Protein backbone atom coordinates (compact mmCIF):
# COMPACT_ATOMS: atom_id res chain seq x y z
CA MET A 1 39.14 -21.90 -5.72
CA GLU A 2 36.17 -20.63 -3.76
CA ASN A 3 37.95 -17.54 -2.54
CA ASP A 4 38.84 -16.24 -5.95
CA PRO A 5 38.93 -12.43 -5.48
CA PHE A 6 37.69 -11.80 -9.02
CA LYS A 7 34.57 -13.92 -8.44
CA GLN A 8 33.88 -12.12 -5.17
CA ILE A 9 34.25 -8.76 -6.86
CA GLN A 10 31.97 -9.91 -9.70
CA LYS A 11 29.34 -11.02 -7.14
CA GLN A 12 29.52 -7.62 -5.47
CA ILE A 13 29.18 -5.88 -8.83
CA ASP A 14 26.17 -8.04 -9.73
CA GLU A 15 24.52 -7.29 -6.38
CA LEU A 16 25.11 -3.56 -6.81
CA LYS A 17 23.64 -3.70 -10.32
CA ARG A 18 20.56 -5.47 -8.96
CA GLN A 19 20.14 -2.85 -6.23
CA LEU A 20 20.54 -0.06 -8.77
CA ASP A 21 17.88 -1.62 -11.01
CA GLU A 22 15.48 -1.83 -8.04
CA LYS A 23 16.07 1.81 -7.18
CA ASP A 24 15.58 2.82 -10.82
CA GLU A 25 12.21 1.02 -10.84
CA LYS A 26 11.18 2.82 -7.65
CA ILE A 27 12.18 6.17 -9.16
CA VAL A 28 10.12 5.49 -12.29
CA ASP A 29 7.14 4.49 -10.12
CA LEU A 30 7.45 7.61 -7.94
CA ASP A 31 7.81 9.80 -11.02
CA GLY A 32 4.55 8.38 -12.37
CA GLN A 33 2.83 9.06 -9.05
CA ILE A 34 4.13 12.64 -9.03
CA ILE A 35 2.74 13.18 -12.53
CA GLU A 36 -0.67 11.78 -11.49
CA LEU A 37 -0.80 13.90 -8.34
CA THR A 38 0.25 17.03 -10.22
CA SER A 39 -2.50 16.44 -12.79
CA TYR A 40 -5.05 15.91 -10.01
CA ILE A 41 -3.95 19.07 -8.17
CA ASN A 42 -4.16 21.09 -11.39
CA MET A 43 -7.63 19.70 -12.10
CA LEU A 44 -8.83 20.61 -8.60
CA ASN A 45 -7.32 24.07 -8.87
CA GLU A 46 -9.03 24.73 -12.20
CA ARG A 47 -12.28 23.27 -10.95
CA PHE A 48 -12.52 25.33 -7.79
CA SER A 49 -10.97 28.57 -8.99
CA GLY A 50 -13.18 28.49 -12.08
CA HIS A 51 -16.20 27.69 -9.96
CA SER A 52 -15.55 30.60 -7.63
CA ASP A 53 -15.22 33.03 -10.53
CA GLU A 54 -18.52 31.85 -12.01
CA MET A 55 -20.32 32.18 -8.69
CA ASN A 56 -18.84 35.64 -8.06
CA GLN A 57 -19.97 36.80 -11.50
CA LEU A 58 -23.50 35.53 -10.87
CA PHE A 59 -23.73 37.22 -7.49
CA ASP A 60 -22.10 40.45 -8.67
CA ALA A 61 -24.61 40.70 -11.52
CA ASN A 62 -27.57 40.79 -9.12
CA PRO A 63 -26.46 40.98 -5.48
CA SER A 64 -29.94 41.68 -4.07
CA GLN A 65 -31.57 38.56 -5.50
CA LYS A 66 -29.31 35.55 -5.26
CA ARG A 67 -31.68 32.90 -6.47
CA GLY A 68 -31.56 29.81 -8.56
CA ILE A 69 -30.20 26.32 -8.24
CA TYR A 70 -26.44 25.77 -8.05
CA ALA A 71 -24.68 22.42 -8.02
CA ARG A 72 -21.27 21.88 -6.50
CA ASP A 73 -19.74 18.48 -5.84
CA SER A 74 -23.08 16.67 -6.17
CA ILE A 75 -24.85 18.86 -3.57
CA VAL A 76 -27.71 20.89 -5.00
CA TYR A 77 -28.88 23.93 -3.03
CA SER A 78 -31.89 25.98 -4.01
CA VAL A 79 -31.84 29.48 -2.55
CA ASP A 80 -35.56 29.92 -3.14
CA THR A 81 -36.54 26.91 -1.03
CA GLU A 82 -33.48 26.85 1.25
CA GLU A 83 -33.37 23.05 1.07
CA LEU A 84 -30.61 20.61 0.34
CA LYS A 85 -31.62 18.13 -2.30
């Protein structure tokens, strides 16, 4: 009996379970990506907001003579020589 309705229903149930498992795996993968991106965004936010505060404090301490060497994202700028190194 190839057209047994119970076997057809069982096949449909098995296919739906397989699809559900695939979607669950995608959700877990996306959740992991969201966590990674959130961590990266938080790191960038801390890095740049903290950097700005430090620079503002340095400049506020002596606004007439902004000199020294500051590094930001692997670019070094010396105010005294006005060169990029």
